[in-house]
C-alpha atoms as a PDB file:
ATOM      1  CA  MET A   1      30.669 -10.668 112.067  1.00  0.00           C
ATOM      2  CA  GLU A   2      29.816  -7.090 110.325  1.00  0.00           C
ATOM      3  CA  GLU A   3      32.878  -6.277 110.845  1.00  0.00           C
ATOM      4  CA  ASN A   4      34.125  -9.727 108.542  1.00  0.00           C
ATOM      5  CA  LYS A   5      31.346  -9.128 106.364  1.00  0.00           C
ATOM      6  CA  GLN A   6      32.406  -5.780 105.674  1.00  0.00           C
ATOM      7  CA  GLU A   7      35.972  -6.668 104.554  1.00  0.00           C
ATOM      8  CA  ASP A   8      35.007  -9.188 102.776  1.00  0.00           C
ATOM      9  CA  ASN A   9      34.282  -6.298 100.458  1.00  0.00           C
ATOM     10  CA  SER A  10      36.914  -4.389 100.844  1.00  0.00           C
ATOM     11  CA  ALA A  11      38.505  -7.723  99.287  1.00  0.00           C
ATOM     12  CA  ALA A  12      36.308  -7.745  95.776  1.00  0.00           C
ATOM     13  CA  PRO A  13      38.139  -6.590  93.072  1.00  0.00           C
ATOM     14  CA  LYS A  14      37.027  -3.278  90.948  1.00  0.00           C
ATOM     15  CA  VAL A  15      35.785  -4.032  87.014  1.00  0.00           C
ATOM     16  CA  ASP A  16      36.767  -1.428  84.486  1.00  0.00           C
ATOM     17  CA  ILE A  17      33.687  -1.968  81.976  1.00  0.00           C
ATOM     18  CA  ARG A  18      36.647  -1.346  78.761  1.00  0.00           C
ATOM     19  CA  GLU A  19      38.139  -4.899  79.858  1.00  0.00           C
ATOM     20  CA  TYR A  20      34.688  -6.479  79.285  1.00  0.00           C
ATOM     21  CA  LYS A  21      35.237  -8.894  77.134  1.00  0.00           C
ATOM     22  CA  ASP A  22      32.049 -10.559  75.739  1.00  0.00           C
ATOM     23  CA  LEU A  23      32.128 -14.432  74.525  1.00  0.00           C
ATOM     24  CA  GLY A  24      29.980 -12.766  72.075  1.00  0.00           C
ATOM     25  CA  GLY A  25      32.216 -10.472  70.550  1.00  0.00           C
ATOM     26  CA  LEU A  26      30.181  -7.353  71.942  1.00  0.00           C
ATOM     27  CA  SER A  27      33.034  -4.711  71.991  1.00  0.00           C
ATOM     28  CA  ASP A  28      33.596  -1.782  73.454  1.00  0.00           C
ATOM     29  CA  LYS A  29      32.756   0.845  71.762  1.00  0.00           C
ATOM     30  CA  LYS A  30      29.571  -1.121  70.791  1.00  0.00           C
ATOM     31  CA  LEU A  31      28.327  -1.052  74.117  1.00  0.00           C
ATOM     32  CA  ASN A  32      29.494   2.415  74.499  1.00  0.00           C
ATOM     33  CA  PHE A  33      27.576   3.430  71.328  1.00  0.00           C
ATOM     34  CA  GLY A  34      24.452   1.110  73.449  1.00  0.00           C
ATOM     35  CA  LEU A  35      24.922   3.894  76.424  1.00  0.00           C
ATOM     36  CA  TRP A  36      24.758   7.159  74.520  1.00  0.00           C
ATOM     37  CA  ILE A  37      21.790   6.111  72.578  1.00  0.00           C
ATOM     38  CA  VAL A  38      19.847   5.329  75.474  1.00  0.00           C
ATOM     39  CA  GLU A  39      20.532   8.874  77.481  1.00  0.00           C
ATOM     40  CA  HIS A  40      20.229  10.604  73.924  1.00  0.00           C
ATOM     41  CA  LYS A  41      16.623   9.017  73.780  1.00  0.00           C
ATOM     42  CA  ASN A  42      14.332  11.950  74.115  1.00  0.00           C
ATOM     43  CA  LEU A  43      16.517  14.072  72.511  1.00  0.00           C
ATOM     44  CA  PHE A  44      16.407  11.849  69.021  1.00  0.00           C
ATOM     45  CA  ARG A  45      12.848  11.706  69.888  1.00  0.00           C
ATOM     46  CA  ARG A  46      12.436  15.938  69.598  1.00  0.00           C
ATOM     47  CA  ILE A  47      14.162  15.772  66.815  1.00  0.00           C
ATOM     48  CA  LEU A  48      12.037  13.592  64.980  1.00  0.00           C
ATOM     49  CA  ILE A  49       9.087  15.549  66.501  1.00  0.00           C
ATOM     50  CA  THR A  50      10.363  18.646  65.011  1.00  0.00           C
ATOM     51  CA  LEU A  51      11.370  17.831  61.529  1.00  0.00           C
ATOM     52  CA  LEU A  52       7.413  15.852  61.532  1.00  0.00           C
ATOM     53  CA  LEU A  53       5.905  19.238  62.443  1.00  0.00           C
ATOM     54  CA  ILE A  54       8.535  20.937  60.462  1.00  0.00           C
ATOM     55  CA  ILE A  55       7.145  18.631  57.242  1.00  0.00           C
ATOM     56  CA  GLY A  56       3.324  18.707  57.976  1.00  0.00           C
ATOM     57  CA  GLY A  57       3.903  22.512  58.328  1.00  0.00           C
ATOM     58  CA  VAL A  58       5.336  22.255  54.892  1.00  0.00           C
ATOM     59  CA  SER A  59       2.462  19.659  53.376  1.00  0.00           C
ATOM     60  CA  TRP A  60      -0.535  21.891  54.463  1.00  0.00           C
ATOM     61  CA  SER A  61       0.949  25.497  53.617  1.00  0.00           C
ATOM     62  CA  TYR A  62       1.677  23.866  50.275  1.00  0.00           C
ATOM     63  CA  THR A  63      -1.989  22.552  50.092  1.00  0.00           C
ATOM     64  CA  ILE A  64      -4.068  25.275  51.180  1.00  0.00           C
ATOM     65  CA  TYR A  65      -2.032  27.735  48.302  1.00  0.00           C
ATOM     66  CA  GLY A  66      -2.144  26.058  46.313  1.00  0.00           C
ATOM     67  CA  PHE A  67      -6.167  25.704  46.486  1.00  0.00           C
ATOM     68  CA  SER A  68      -6.317  29.410  47.674  1.00  0.00           C
ATOM     69  CA  TYR A  69      -4.703  29.689  44.350  1.00  0.00           C
ATOM     70  CA  TYR A  70      -7.455  27.704  42.339  1.00  0.00           C
ATOM     71  CA  PHE A  71     -10.064  29.435  43.604  1.00  0.00           C
ATOM     72  CA  ALA A  72      -8.188  32.919  43.550  1.00  0.00           C
ATOM     73  CA  ILE A  73      -6.593  32.407  39.713  1.00  0.00           C
ATOM     74  CA  GLY A  74      -6.454  28.797  38.750  1.00  0.00           C
ATOM     75  CA  GLN A  75     -10.283  28.555  38.159  1.00  0.00           C
ATOM     76  CA  TYR A  76     -10.388  30.934  35.436  1.00  0.00           C
ATOM     77  CA  ASP A  77      -6.691  29.873  33.884  1.00  0.00           C
ATOM     78  CA  ASP A  78      -9.382  26.534  33.170  1.00  0.00           C
ATOM     79  CA  GLU A  79     -12.517  28.865  31.503  1.00  0.00           C
ATOM     80  CA  LYS A  80      -9.850  30.256  29.725  1.00  0.00           C
ATOM     81  CA  ILE A  81      -8.914  27.040  28.492  1.00  0.00           C
ATOM     82  CA  VAL A  82     -11.849  25.265  28.173  1.00  0.00           C
ATOM     83  CA  ASN A  83     -12.845  28.686  25.713  1.00  0.00           C
ATOM     84  CA  ASP A  84      -9.443  27.959  23.382  1.00  0.00           C
ATOM     85  CA  LEU A  85     -10.380  23.989  23.250  1.00  0.00           C
ATOM     86  CA  LEU A  86     -13.781  25.116  21.974  1.00  0.00           C
ATOM     87  CA  ALA A  87     -12.176  27.786  20.109  1.00  0.00           C
ATOM     88  CA  ILE A  88      -9.521  25.222  18.568  1.00  0.00           C
ATOM     89  CA  ASN A  89     -12.264  22.895  17.600  1.00  0.00           C
ATOM     90  CA  THR A  90     -13.892  25.416  15.283  1.00  0.00           C
ATOM     91  CA  ILE A  91     -11.104  25.843  13.473  1.00  0.00           C
ATOM     92  CA  GLU A  92     -10.409  22.602  13.110  1.00  0.00           C
ATOM     93  CA  HIS A  93     -14.276  22.151  11.561  1.00  0.00           C
ATOM     94  CA  ASN A  94     -13.425  25.071   9.605  1.00  0.00           C
ATOM     95  CA  TYR A  95     -10.526  23.548   8.704  1.00  0.00           C
ATOM     96  CA  LEU A  96     -12.087  20.387   7.273  1.00  0.00           C
ATOM     97  CA  VAL A  97     -15.109  21.689   5.875  1.00  0.00           C
ATOM     98  CA  ASP A  98     -12.157  23.521   3.468  1.00  0.00           C
ATOM     99  CA  LEU A  99     -10.551  20.883   2.582  1.00  0.00           C
ATOM    100  CA  SER A 100     -13.809  19.270   1.941  1.00  0.00           C
ATOM    101  CA  ALA A 101     -15.624  20.293  -1.746  1.00  0.00           C
ATOM    102  CA  GLN A 102     -19.152  22.121  -2.073  1.00  0.00           C
ATOM    103  CA  ASP A 103     -20.949  20.198  -4.306  1.00  0.00           C
ATOM    104  CA  LEU A 104     -21.527  21.465  -8.205  1.00  0.00           C
ATOM    105  CA  ILE A 105     -24.223  24.213  -8.718  1.00  0.00           C
ATOM    106  CA  TYR A 106     -25.952  24.034 -12.339  1.00  0.00           C
ATOM    107  CA  SER A 107     -29.473  25.573 -13.913  1.00  0.00           C
ATOM    108  CA  PRO A 108     -31.395  23.062 -15.790  1.00  0.00           C
ATOM    109  CA  VAL A 109     -31.271  22.205 -19.700  1.00  0.00           C
ATOM    110  CA  GLN A 110     -31.689  25.178 -21.893  1.00  0.00           C
ATOM    111  CA  ILE A 111     -33.166  23.377 -25.407  1.00  0.00           C
ATOM    112  CA  LEU A 112     -32.761  24.785 -28.337  1.00  0.00           C
ATOM    113  CA  LYS A 113     -34.234  24.112 -32.026  1.00  0.00           C
ATOM    114  CA  THR A 114     -31.709  24.183 -34.303  1.00  0.00           C
ATOM    115  CA  THR A 115     -33.732  22.138 -37.485  1.00  0.00           C
ATOM    116  CA  SER A 116     -36.568  20.497 -37.934  1.00  0.00           C
ATOM    117  CA  ASP A 117     -35.360  17.581 -35.848  1.00  0.00           C
ATOM    118  CA  LYS A 118     -32.012  18.382 -34.523  1.00  0.00           C
ATOM    119  CA  TYR A 119     -31.740  19.930 -31.258  1.00  0.00           C
ATOM    120  CA  ASP A 120     -28.657  21.939 -28.574  1.00  0.00           C
ATOM    121  CA  LEU A 121     -29.066  21.427 -24.977  1.00  0.00           C
ATOM    122  CA  ILE A 122     -27.477  23.562 -22.532  1.00  0.00           C
ATOM    123  CA  VAL A 123     -26.756  23.929 -19.314  1.00  0.00           C
ATOM    124  CA  GLN A 124     -24.915  26.038 -17.352  1.00  0.00           C
ATOM    125  CA  ILE A 125     -22.754  23.718 -14.120  1.00  0.00           C
ATOM    126  CA  GLN A 126     -20.303  26.914 -11.565  1.00  0.00           C
ATOM    127  CA  ASN A 127     -17.733  25.487  -9.247  1.00  0.00           C
ATOM    128  CA  PRO A 128     -18.118  27.129  -5.867  1.00  0.00           C
ATOM    129  CA  ASN A 129     -15.104  26.330  -4.394  1.00  0.00           C
ATOM    130  CA  LYS A 130     -11.999  28.301  -4.242  1.00  0.00           C
ATOM    131  CA  ASN A 131      -9.613  24.971  -3.734  1.00  0.00           C
ATOM    132  CA  HIS A 132     -11.041  22.852  -5.749  1.00  0.00           C
ATOM    133  CA  TRP A 133     -11.473  21.947  -9.747  1.00  0.00           C
ATOM    134  CA  ALA A 134     -13.304  18.749 -11.216  1.00  0.00           C
ATOM    135  CA  SER A 135     -12.862  16.452 -14.022  1.00  0.00           C
ATOM    136  CA  ILE A 136     -16.971  15.487 -15.002  1.00  0.00           C
ATOM    137  CA  GLU A 137     -18.471  12.013 -16.483  1.00  0.00           C
ATOM    138  CA  TYR A 138     -22.165  13.186 -17.510  1.00  0.00           C
ATOM    139  CA  CYS A 139     -24.880  11.913 -19.955  1.00  0.00           C
ATOM    140  CA  TRP A 140     -27.955  13.646 -21.209  1.00  0.00           C
ATOM    141  CA  THR A 141     -30.244  11.595 -19.916  1.00  0.00           C
ATOM    142  CA  LEU A 142     -33.555  11.188 -21.406  1.00  0.00           C
ATOM    143  CA  ASN A 143     -37.203   8.741 -19.103  1.00  0.00           C
ATOM    144  CA  GLU A 144     -33.790   7.939 -17.637  1.00  0.00           C
ATOM    145  CA  LYS A 145     -31.971   6.255 -21.006  1.00  0.00           C
ATOM    146  CA  GLU A 146     -29.123   7.794 -21.639  1.00  0.00           C
ATOM    147  CA  ILE A 147     -28.830   9.658 -24.928  1.00  0.00           C
ATOM    148  CA  THR A 148     -25.232  10.622 -25.554  1.00  0.00           C
ATOM    149  CA  CYS A 149     -21.833  10.704 -22.652  1.00  0.00           C
ATOM    150  CA  GLY A 150     -19.135  13.519 -22.838  1.00  0.00           C
ATOM    151  CA  GLU A 151     -16.264  14.103 -20.551  1.00  0.00           C
ATOM    152  CA  ASP A 152     -15.261  17.937 -19.281  1.00  0.00           C
ATOM    153  CA  PHE A 153     -13.664  20.024 -16.349  1.00  0.00           C
ATOM    154  CA  ILE A 154     -13.743  22.886 -14.324  1.00  0.00           C
ATOM    155  CA  LEU A 155     -11.295  25.178 -12.800  1.00  0.00           C
ATOM    156  CA  SER A 156     -11.985  26.829  -9.344  1.00  0.00           C
ATOM    157  CA  GLU A 157     -14.875  29.259  -8.541  1.00  0.00           C
ATOM    158  CA  GLU A 158     -15.265  29.322 -12.273  1.00  0.00           C
ATOM    159  CA  THR A 159     -18.829  29.521 -14.463  1.00  0.00           C
ATOM    160  CA  LYS A 160     -19.086  27.670 -17.530  1.00  0.00           C
ATOM    161  CA  HIS A 161     -21.866  25.636 -20.198  1.00  0.00           C
ATOM    162  CA  ILE A 162     -21.942  21.961 -20.250  1.00  0.00           C
ATOM    163  CA  LEU A 163     -23.389  21.772 -24.797  1.00  0.00           C
ATOM    164  CA  GLY A 164     -25.155  18.332 -25.671  1.00  0.00           C
ATOM    165  CA  LEU A 165     -25.294  19.921 -29.627  1.00  0.00           C
ATOM    166  CA  SER A 166     -27.706  18.588 -32.586  1.00  0.00           C
ATOM    167  CA  GLN A 167     -29.199  15.593 -31.240  1.00  0.00           C
ATOM    168  CA  ASP A 168     -31.810  14.105 -32.575  1.00  0.00           C
ATOM    169  CA  PHE A 169     -35.438  14.434 -31.798  1.00  0.00           C
ATOM    170  CA  THR A 170     -38.626  14.051 -33.948  1.00  0.00           C
ATOM    171  CA  ASN A 171     -40.064  16.436 -31.705  1.00  0.00           C
ATOM    172  CA  ARG A 172     -39.612  19.177 -28.561  1.00  0.00           C
ATOM    173  CA  PRO A 173     -38.038  17.001 -25.974  1.00  0.00           C
ATOM    174  CA  SER A 174     -38.640  17.760 -22.446  1.00  0.00           C
ATOM    175  CA  GLY A 175     -37.892  15.654 -19.330  1.00  0.00           C
ATOM    176  CA  ILE A 176     -34.326  16.022 -20.527  1.00  0.00           C
ATOM    177  CA  LYS A 177     -31.854  15.926 -17.675  1.00  0.00           C
ATOM    178  CA  LEU A 178     -27.088  15.966 -17.316  1.00  0.00           C
ATOM    179  CA  THR A 179     -27.288  13.458 -15.213  1.00  0.00           C
ATOM    180  CA  PHE A 180     -23.443  13.569 -13.615  1.00  0.00           C
ATOM    181  CA  LYS A 181     -22.248   9.877 -13.256  1.00  0.00           C
ATOM    182  CA  ASN A 182     -18.476  10.672 -11.704  1.00  0.00           C
ATOM    183  CA  VAL A 183     -17.252  14.360 -10.208  1.00  0.00           C
ATOM    184  CA  ASP A 184     -13.605  14.196  -9.508  1.00  0.00           C
ATOM    185  CA  TRP A 185     -12.088  16.327  -7.729  1.00  0.00           C
ATOM    186  CA  GLN A 186      -8.487  17.673  -7.260  1.00  0.00           C
ATOM    187  CA  ARG A 187      -7.628  20.341  -4.183  1.00  0.00           C
ATOM    188  CA  ILE A 188      -5.064  22.497  -6.354  1.00  0.00           C
ATOM    189  CA  ASN A 189      -2.125  22.745  -4.437  1.00  0.00           C
ATOM    190  CA  LYS A 190      -1.333  25.264  -2.933  1.00  0.00           C
ATOM    191  CA  HIS A 191       2.261  24.755  -2.167  1.00  0.00           C
ATOM    192  CA  LYS A 192       2.654  24.328  -6.593  1.00  0.00           C
ATOM    193  CA  PHE A 193       0.020  26.751  -7.230  1.00  0.00           C
ATOM    194  CA  SER A 194       1.504  29.635  -4.720  1.00  0.00           C
ATOM    195  CA  ASP A 195       0.015  32.539  -6.904  1.00  0.00           C
ATOM    196  CA  TRP A 196      -3.424  30.336  -8.306  1.00  0.00           C
ATOM    197  CA  GLU A 197      -4.613  33.701  -9.800  1.00  0.00           C
ATOM    198  CA  ASN A 198      -1.422  34.888 -11.871  1.00  0.00           C
ATOM    199  CA  TYR A 199      -1.434  31.474 -12.469  1.00  0.00           C
ATOM    200  CA  LYS A 200      -4.447  31.143 -14.163  1.00  0.00           C
ATOM    201  CA  ASN A 201      -4.706  34.125 -15.927  1.00  0.00           C
ATOM    202  CA  GLU A 202      -1.354  33.804 -17.315  1.00  0.00           C
ATOM    203  CA  ARG A 203      -2.140  30.746 -19.274  1.00  0.00           C
ATOM    204  CA  ILE A 204      -5.458  31.862 -20.073  1.00  0.00           C
ATOM    205  CA  ASN A 205      -4.789  35.243 -21.401  1.00  0.00           C
ATOM    206  CA  PHE A 206      -6.699  34.501 -24.598  1.00  0.00           C
ATOM    207  CA  GLN A 207      -8.278  38.384 -27.205  1.00  0.00           C
ATOM    208  CA  VAL A 208     -11.187  37.814 -29.420  1.00  0.00           C
ATOM    209  CA  ASN A 209     -10.859  40.275 -32.257  1.00  0.00           C
ATOM    210  CA  ASP A 210     -12.810  41.736 -36.005  1.00  0.00           C
ATOM    211  CA  ILE A 211     -15.697  39.051 -35.133  1.00  0.00           C
ATOM    212  CA  SER A 212     -18.516  39.400 -37.561  1.00  0.00           C
ATOM    213  CA  PHE A 213     -21.028  37.395 -38.051  1.00  0.00           C
ATOM    214  CA  GLN A 214     -24.417  36.692 -40.886  1.00  0.00           C
ATOM    215  CA  ALA A 215     -27.103  35.333 -39.762  1.00  0.00           C
ATOM    216  CA  GLY A 216     -29.098  32.420 -42.382  1.00  0.00           C
ATOM    217  CA  GLN A 217     -31.483  34.270 -44.042  1.00  0.00           C
ATOM    218  CA  THR A 218     -29.036  37.092 -45.276  1.00  0.00           C
ATOM    219  CA  SER A 219     -25.994  34.831 -45.428  1.00  0.00           C
ATOM    220  CA  GLY A 220     -26.316  33.849 -49.509  1.00  0.00           C
ATOM    221  CA  LEU A 221     -24.627  30.753 -49.223  1.00  0.00           C
ATOM    222  CA  SER A 222     -26.902  28.354 -50.103  1.00  0.00           C
ATOM    223  CA  ASP A 223     -30.574  27.898 -51.996  1.00  0.00           C
ATOM    224  CA  LYS A 224     -31.566  25.326 -49.965  1.00  0.00           C
ATOM    225  CA  ILE A 225     -30.606  26.089 -46.422  1.00  0.00           C
ATOM    226  CA  ASN A 226     -30.382  28.806 -44.679  1.00  0.00           C
ATOM    227  CA  LEU A 227     -26.541  28.629 -43.349  1.00  0.00           C
ATOM    228  CA  ASN A 228     -24.935  31.343 -39.781  1.00  0.00           C
ATOM    229  CA  THR A 229     -21.904  31.982 -40.795  1.00  0.00           C
ATOM    230  CA  LEU A 230     -19.232  34.207 -38.603  1.00  0.00           C
ATOM    231  CA  ASN A 231     -15.531  35.648 -38.593  1.00  0.00           C
ATOM    232  CA  PHE A 232     -12.805  35.491 -35.268  1.00  0.00           C
ATOM    233  CA  THR A 233      -9.401  36.969 -35.192  1.00  0.00           C
ATOM    234  CA  PHE A 234      -8.433  34.994 -31.715  1.00  0.00           C
ATOM    235  CA  ASP A 235      -5.163  35.889 -30.382  1.00  0.00           C
ATOM    236  CA  ASN A 236      -3.092  33.836 -28.431  1.00  0.00           C
ATOM    237  CA  ASN A 237      -1.228  35.746 -25.876  1.00  0.00           C
ATOM    238  CA  THR A 238      -0.066  33.849 -23.609  1.00  0.00           C
ATOM    239  CA  PRO A 239       4.160  32.446 -23.555  1.00  0.00           C
ATOM    240  CA  TYR A 240       2.855  28.446 -23.836  1.00  0.00           C
ATOM    241  CA  ASN A 241       2.267  26.695 -27.224  1.00  0.00           C
ATOM    242  CA  TYR A 242      -1.227  23.894 -26.629  1.00  0.00           C
ATOM    243  CA  TRP A 243      -1.734  21.417 -28.639  1.00  0.00           C
ATOM    244  CA  GLU A 244      -5.699  22.832 -28.796  1.00  0.00           C
ATOM    245  CA  VAL A 245      -7.782  24.989 -27.686  1.00  0.00           C
ATOM    246  CA  ASP A 246     -11.479  24.511 -27.127  1.00  0.00           C
ATOM    247  CA  LEU A 247     -13.626  27.332 -28.157  1.00  0.00           C
ATOM    248  CA  ASN A 248     -17.297  27.559 -27.357  1.00  0.00           C
ATOM    249  CA  ILE A 249     -19.330  30.041 -28.843  1.00  0.00           C
ATOM    250  CA  PHE A 250     -22.549  31.864 -27.515  1.00  0.00           C
ATOM    251  CA  LEU A 251     -25.112  34.182 -29.915  1.00  0.00           C
ATOM    252  CA  HIS A 252     -26.984  36.624 -27.914  1.00  0.00           C
ATOM    253  CA  ARG A 253     -30.374  38.121 -28.309  1.00  0.00           C
ATOM    254  CA  GLY A 254     -30.822  40.553 -24.502  1.00  0.00           C
ATOM    255  CA  SER A 255     -29.877  38.307 -22.426  1.00  0.00           C
ATOM    256  CA  ALA A 256     -30.967  35.077 -23.951  1.00  0.00           C
ATOM    257  CA  ILE A 257     -28.733  32.563 -25.599  1.00  0.00           C
ATOM    258  CA  ILE A 258     -30.189  31.791 -28.998  1.00  0.00           C
ATOM    259  CA  SER A 259     -27.109  29.883 -30.425  1.00  0.00           C
ATOM    260  CA  VAL A 260     -23.970  28.282 -29.976  1.00  0.00           C
ATOM    261  CA  ASN A 261     -21.638  26.189 -31.011  1.00  0.00           C
ATOM    262  CA  LYS A 262     -17.504  24.683 -31.013  1.00  0.00           C
ATOM    263  CA  TYR A 263     -14.763  25.379 -32.621  1.00  0.00           C
ATOM    264  CA  ARG A 264     -10.991  23.474 -31.405  1.00  0.00           C
ATOM    265  CA  LEU A 265      -8.341  25.095 -32.489  1.00  0.00           C
ATOM    266  CA  GLU A 266      -5.521  22.919 -32.291  1.00  0.00           C
ATOM    267  CA  GLU A 267      -0.946  23.654 -32.423  1.00  0.00           C
ATOM    268  CA  PHE A 268      -2.431  27.174 -30.975  1.00  0.00           C
ATOM    269  CA  MET A 269       1.094  28.782 -30.807  1.00  0.00           C
ATOM    270  CA  SER A 270       2.735  31.441 -28.458  1.00  0.00           C
ATOM    271  CA  LYS A 271       1.839  35.003 -29.477  1.00  0.00           C
ATOM    272  CA  GLU A 272      -0.349  33.111 -32.830  1.00  0.00           C
ATOM    273  CA  SER A 273      -3.536  35.346 -33.913  1.00  0.00           C
ATOM    274  CA  ARG A 274      -5.444  32.311 -35.532  1.00  0.00           C
ATOM    275  CA  GLU A 275      -8.573  33.762 -37.804  1.00  0.00           C
ATOM    276  CA  VAL A 276     -11.818  31.704 -38.075  1.00  0.00           C
ATOM    277  CA  ASP A 277     -14.268  31.051 -40.440  1.00  0.00           C
ATOM    278  CA  MET A 278     -16.931  28.503 -39.908  1.00  0.00           C
ATOM    279  CA  THR A 279     -21.080  28.132 -41.161  1.00  0.00           C
ATOM    280  CA  TRP A 280     -23.974  26.062 -39.050  1.00  0.00           C
ATOM    281  CA  VAL A 281     -27.197  25.175 -39.281  1.00  0.00           C
ATOM    282  CA  GLY A 282     -29.785  28.476 -38.386  1.00  0.00           C
ATOM    283  CA  THR A 283     -31.638  31.082 -39.428  1.00  0.00           C
ATOM    284  CA  THR A 284     -30.608  33.385 -35.486  1.00  0.00           C
ATOM    285  CA  SER A 285     -30.983  36.741 -36.115  1.00  0.00           C
ATOM    286  CA  GLY A 286     -31.417  39.620 -33.800  1.00  0.00           C
ATOM    287  CA  VAL A 287     -28.012  38.615 -32.150  1.00  0.00           C
ATOM    288  CA  THR A 288     -27.452  41.622 -29.880  1.00  0.00           C
ATOM    289  CA  GLU A 289     -23.602  39.600 -28.391  1.00  0.00           C
ATOM    290  CA  ILE A 290     -21.547  36.835 -29.159  1.00  0.00           C
ATOM    291  CA  LYS A 291     -19.182  35.509 -26.818  1.00  0.00           C
ATOM    292  CA  ILE A 292     -16.592  33.735 -28.016  1.00  0.00           C
ATOM    293  CA  ILE A 293     -15.101  31.307 -24.348  1.00  0.00           C
ATOM    294  CA  PRO A 294     -11.990  29.557 -24.782  1.00  0.00           C
ATOM    295  CA  SER A 295     -11.986  26.018 -22.333  1.00  0.00           C
ATOM    296  CA  VAL A 296      -8.733  25.033 -21.740  1.00  0.00           C
ATOM    297  CA  ASN A 297      -7.525  22.958 -18.618  1.00  0.00           C
ATOM    298  CA  ILE A 298      -4.280  24.605 -17.868  1.00  0.00           C
ATOM    299  CA  LEU A 299      -3.510  21.925 -14.936  1.00  0.00           C
ATOM    300  CA  LYS A 300      -3.419  19.011 -16.881  1.00  0.00           C
ATOM    301  CA  ASP A 301       0.482  19.013 -18.501  1.00  0.00           C
ATOM    302  CA  GLU A 302      -0.163  17.163 -21.760  1.00  0.00           C
ATOM    303  CA  ILE A 303      -2.262  20.114 -23.452  1.00  0.00           C
ATOM    304  CA  TYR A 304       1.304  21.939 -23.979  1.00  0.00           C
ATOM    305  CA  ILE A 305       3.939  21.666 -26.462  1.00  0.00           C
ATOM    306  CA  ASP A 306       6.860  21.336 -24.867  1.00  0.00           C
ATOM    307  CA  TYR A 307       9.009  21.469 -28.539  1.00  0.00           C
ATOM    308  CA  ASP A 308      13.163  21.739 -27.630  1.00  0.00           C
ATOM    309  CA  GLY A 309      14.231  25.384 -26.917  1.00  0.00           C
ATOM    310  CA  GLY A 310      10.539  26.536 -27.650  1.00  0.00           C
ATOM    311  CA  ILE A 311       8.246  28.301 -25.389  1.00  0.00           C
ATOM    312  CA  GLY A 312       6.320  25.225 -23.689  1.00  0.00           C
ATOM    313  CA  GLU A 313       4.981  24.296 -20.238  1.00  0.00           C
ATOM    314  CA  GLU A 314       7.131  25.380 -17.361  1.00  0.00           C
ATOM    315  CA  LYS A 315       9.456  21.980 -16.105  1.00  0.00           C
END
């Protein structure tokens, strides 16, 4: 029996895997690749573990380096950035303050008697702003009631006076105020006026010469009223022609203003010298100084006479 069995085994056909054909379409190449994968799976596992260890090592190294760098250097850099930001905020605040104009500074009202029922009103105003000038609308008021109103201007860092001449009062008034109805601040354009001081000095280059003053009681011009007389020469040393130039006139006794007046020069040409003769009511005596101050808004184009072929405002 055993011999017959052995004979049967020897008689069985040998199977070659390359000749195997799967009815589902699995080829011998796919079988060989699968066998190769199975045989080398331990190698693949080791490669995968090695890659994960490398990635983890790099990540932890970068993390440890980052924390070490921050504690050693980065936190000090952060403090510096914070301090720089605070400094920038300070600069921005100062810049904003520079952009906005500070209020005008003005003195109490000074009242000068000219005749029995007329008084001159004076207020000194000061513009503390370097980069702003202002157009002003104002009113003189008494007990909150408007007496008279007017308009004026003030250039940057300028000190000037607002005058209310020959106001009628039965008795010397008290409680008079100067009320600013509107102050229109305008910033000086640095691109247009890169050298503001030179621009201003070139256009307000006037000169007063040959001042002569006689007080009213010695003038001899009238037996009934006393008239002060003032004579002077006013020179336009600028290269510009002006439609009008206002002059504010102050008579001083020491440091005190004792009399004021105004005068307007019309069509005042470049290099012109104009003789001025003026009188006003008063018995002013003891005058120690006379100030004649021009008032002309050089920032307004319409004040300049621009003749074709002549000298006018630069265009």
